[in-house]
Amino acid sequence: MILLFIESKYGSEIINDSARYKRLIKKSKLEYKEHVIKVIELFDILWKINTPQSKIEMIKVINDSIKTGDATAMGRLGRAYRDGKGVPRDINKCLEWMRLASKSGSLAASNELFDVLWNIGTPESEYEMIDVIQYAISKGDISARGRLARAYRYGRGVSKDLNVAAEWMRQTVAK
């Protein structure tokens, strides 16, 4: 038997009905996802407003979301450090947050991390970008396939191979 104590604005109660418990858990997960989407949207709006006050609010909002472990929020903070928006420009902090977001499951952050590593252009960064993008491809990300095609086209992090580049790009176009 599962007992759940719930406290809300309507009062508190003990639930001992497992079906109701499962419905409440499902509802709370959906509400959490909706909240996260709203936070990310607010961040993006504040990003575009681009005033000193909006940048302060943007970083506060995203830091609050990061505390819950949200991968998309981590990626957004990495983007802020990459561009120096609301925080000082810091490529190392950008990489730290992008890596964490990517490892936490954000495919968008994996693609952005690839781009940052591409721009760094060292042999180490290029090998890392291939690892990152292969993970995103394994999760079905279409954009990642195009990035891997580009790596093969220019021989960045992999041996240059136009035939392999063309095959990856065909897969990107076909989807």
Protein backbone atom coordinates (compact mmCIF):
# COMPACT_ATOMS: atom_id res chain seq x y z
CA MET A 1 0.00 0.00 0.00
CA ILE A 2 1.23 3.46 -0.90
CA LEU A 3 0.43 6.37 1.36
CA LEU A 4 1.00 9.85 0.05
CA PHE A 5 0.66 13.04 2.04
CA ILE A 6 -0.31 15.96 -0.17
CA GLU A 7 -0.37 19.58 0.82
CA SER A 8 -1.81 22.15 -1.56
CA LYS A 9 -3.53 25.50 -1.51
CA TYR A 10 -6.76 23.59 -0.93
CA GLY A 11 -5.53 21.87 2.25
CA SER A 12 -3.84 18.58 2.99
CA GLU A 13 -4.84 14.95 2.75
CA ILE A 14 -3.48 11.44 2.87
CA ILE A 15 -3.98 9.37 -0.27
CA ASN A 16 -3.99 5.59 -0.03
CA ASP A 17 -5.43 4.86 -3.48
CA SER A 18 -2.58 3.74 -5.78
CA ALA A 19 -4.49 4.58 -8.99
CA ARG A 20 -5.12 8.12 -7.76
CA TYR A 21 -1.50 8.36 -6.63
CA LYS A 22 -0.31 7.41 -10.15
CA ARG A 23 -2.66 9.98 -11.73
CA LEU A 24 -1.35 12.71 -9.41
CA ILE A 25 2.27 11.83 -10.18
CA LYS A 26 1.56 11.87 -13.92
CA LYS A 27 -0.23 15.22 -13.59
CA SER A 28 2.63 16.72 -11.58
CA LYS A 29 5.17 15.58 -14.20
CA LEU A 30 3.10 17.18 -16.97
CA GLU A 31 2.75 20.40 -14.98
CA TYR A 32 6.52 20.41 -14.38
CA LYS A 33 7.22 19.98 -18.13
CA GLU A 34 4.81 22.82 -18.94
CA HIS A 35 6.53 25.02 -16.36
CA VAL A 36 9.97 24.27 -17.82
CA ILE A 37 8.74 25.11 -21.32
CA LYS A 38 7.41 28.44 -20.03
CA VAL A 39 10.71 29.22 -18.28
CA ILE A 40 12.69 28.51 -21.46
CA GLU A 41 10.28 30.63 -23.49
CA LEU A 42 10.64 33.48 -20.99
CA PHE A 43 14.43 33.17 -21.22
CA ASP A 44 14.24 33.35 -25.02
CA ILE A 45 11.97 36.43 -24.91
CA LEU A 46 14.25 38.19 -22.42
CA TRP A 47 17.22 37.27 -24.64
CA LYS A 48 15.60 39.09 -27.54
CA ILE A 49 14.59 42.13 -25.43
CA ASN A 50 18.31 42.49 -24.73
CA THR A 51 18.24 45.29 -22.14
CA PRO A 52 20.44 45.29 -19.03
CA GLN A 53 17.36 44.56 -16.88
CA SER A 54 16.11 41.76 -19.14
CA LYS A 55 19.55 40.12 -19.07
CA ILE A 56 19.57 40.13 -15.25
CA GLU A 57 16.10 38.59 -15.16
CA MET A 58 17.02 36.09 -17.88
CA ILE A 59 19.96 34.74 -15.87
CA LYS A 60 17.95 34.60 -12.64
CA VAL A 61 15.11 32.69 -14.32
CA ILE A 62 17.44 30.17 -15.94
CA ASN A 63 19.51 29.64 -12.78
CA ASP A 64 16.32 28.82 -10.87
CA SER A 65 15.45 26.24 -13.54
CA ILE A 66 18.97 24.77 -13.51
CA LYS A 67 18.57 23.98 -9.82
CA THR A 68 15.93 21.42 -10.83
CA GLY A 69 18.41 19.72 -13.19
CA ASP A 70 16.79 20.84 -16.43
CA ALA A 71 19.13 20.11 -19.37
CA THR A 72 17.58 22.72 -21.68
CA ALA A 73 18.16 25.41 -19.05
CA MET A 74 21.80 24.32 -18.72
CA GLY A 75 22.20 24.68 -22.47
CA ARG A 76 20.68 28.15 -22.40
CA LEU A 77 23.14 29.23 -19.70
CA GLY A 78 25.96 27.83 -21.83
CA ARG A 79 24.66 29.93 -24.71
CA ALA A 80 24.63 33.03 -22.48
CA TYR A 81 28.29 32.43 -21.55
CA ARG A 82 29.16 31.79 -25.21
CA ASP A 83 27.68 35.13 -26.28
CA GLY A 84 28.36 37.12 -23.11
CA LYS A 85 24.69 37.92 -22.62
CA GLY A 86 23.75 38.60 -19.00
CA VAL A 87 27.08 37.10 -17.88
CA PRO A 88 30.67 37.81 -18.89
CA ARG A 89 31.69 36.01 -22.10
CA ASP A 90 33.52 32.88 -20.96
CA ILE A 91 34.10 30.03 -23.39
CA ASN A 92 35.21 27.65 -20.61
CA LYS A 93 31.99 28.16 -18.67
CA CYS A 94 30.09 27.86 -21.95
CA LEU A 95 31.73 24.49 -22.55
CA GLU A 96 31.08 23.39 -18.97
CA TRP A 97 27.35 24.11 -19.21
CA MET A 98 26.98 22.80 -22.76
CA ARG A 99 28.72 19.54 -21.81
CA LEU A 100 26.50 19.14 -18.77
CA ALA A 101 23.37 19.86 -20.82
CA SER A 102 24.46 17.43 -23.52
CA LYS A 103 25.20 14.68 -20.99
CA SER A 104 21.83 15.38 -19.38
CA GLY A 105 20.06 14.66 -22.66
CA SER A 106 19.66 17.98 -24.47
CA LEU A 107 20.20 17.26 -28.16
CA ALA A 108 20.04 20.97 -28.96
CA ALA A 109 22.90 21.54 -26.52
CA SER A 110 24.84 18.69 -28.18
CA ASN A 111 24.53 20.47 -31.53
CA GLU A 112 25.54 23.81 -30.03
CA LEU A 113 28.45 22.17 -28.21
CA PHE A 114 29.60 20.71 -31.53
CA ASP A 115 29.53 24.21 -33.05
CA VAL A 116 31.52 25.73 -30.18
CA LEU A 117 34.11 22.94 -30.37
CA TRP A 118 34.26 23.36 -34.17
CA ASN A 119 35.09 27.05 -33.69
CA ILE A 120 37.78 26.27 -31.11
CA GLY A 121 39.40 24.09 -33.79
CA THR A 122 42.06 22.25 -31.78
CA PRO A 123 42.60 18.53 -32.40
CA GLU A 124 41.24 17.79 -28.90
CA SER A 125 38.11 19.86 -29.44
CA GLU A 126 37.53 18.26 -32.82
CA TYR A 127 37.71 14.72 -31.40
CA GLU A 128 35.32 15.73 -28.63
CA MET A 129 32.88 17.27 -31.10
CA ILE A 130 32.74 13.95 -32.98
CA ASP A 131 31.94 12.06 -29.77
CA VAL A 132 29.26 14.59 -28.87
CA ILE A 133 27.60 14.50 -32.27
CA GLN A 134 27.69 10.71 -32.53
CA TYR A 135 25.76 10.56 -29.26
CA ALA A 136 23.14 12.95 -30.68
CA ILE A 137 22.92 10.85 -33.86
CA SER A 138 22.40 7.72 -31.76
CA LYS A 139 19.37 9.47 -30.23
CA GLY A 140 17.93 10.19 -33.70
CA ASP A 141 18.84 13.85 -34.06
CA ILE A 142 18.68 14.88 -37.73
CA SER A 143 20.69 18.10 -37.33
CA ALA A 144 23.55 16.09 -35.86
CA ARG A 145 23.83 14.08 -39.07
CA GLY A 146 24.42 17.26 -41.05
CA ARG A 147 27.13 18.32 -38.63
CA LEU A 148 28.88 14.96 -38.94
CA ALA A 149 28.66 15.29 -42.74
CA ARG A 150 30.37 18.67 -42.46
CA ALA A 151 33.13 17.15 -40.30
CA TYR A 152 33.80 14.49 -42.96
CA ARG A 153 33.65 17.09 -45.73
CA TYR A 154 36.39 19.18 -44.14
CA GLY A 155 38.27 16.44 -42.29
CA ARG A 156 37.66 17.97 -38.86
CA GLY A 157 37.90 15.36 -36.08
CA VAL A 158 37.68 12.57 -38.69
CA SER A 159 39.58 11.72 -41.86
CA LYS A 160 38.36 13.75 -44.79
CA ASP A 161 36.02 11.60 -46.88
CA LEU A 162 33.62 13.22 -49.30
CA ASN A 163 31.80 9.93 -49.96
CA VAL A 164 31.04 9.50 -46.26
CA ALA A 165 30.12 13.18 -46.05
CA ALA A 166 27.69 12.75 -48.94
CA GLU A 167 26.11 9.68 -47.32
CA TRP A 168 25.53 11.48 -44.01
CA MET A 169 24.11 14.48 -45.86
CA ARG A 170 21.79 12.20 -47.86
CA GLN A 171 20.46 10.84 -44.58
CA THR A 172 19.94 14.38 -43.35
CA VAL A 173 18.06 15.42 -46.48
CA ALA A 174 15.96 12.22 -46.59
CA LYS A 175 14.49 12.74 -43.12
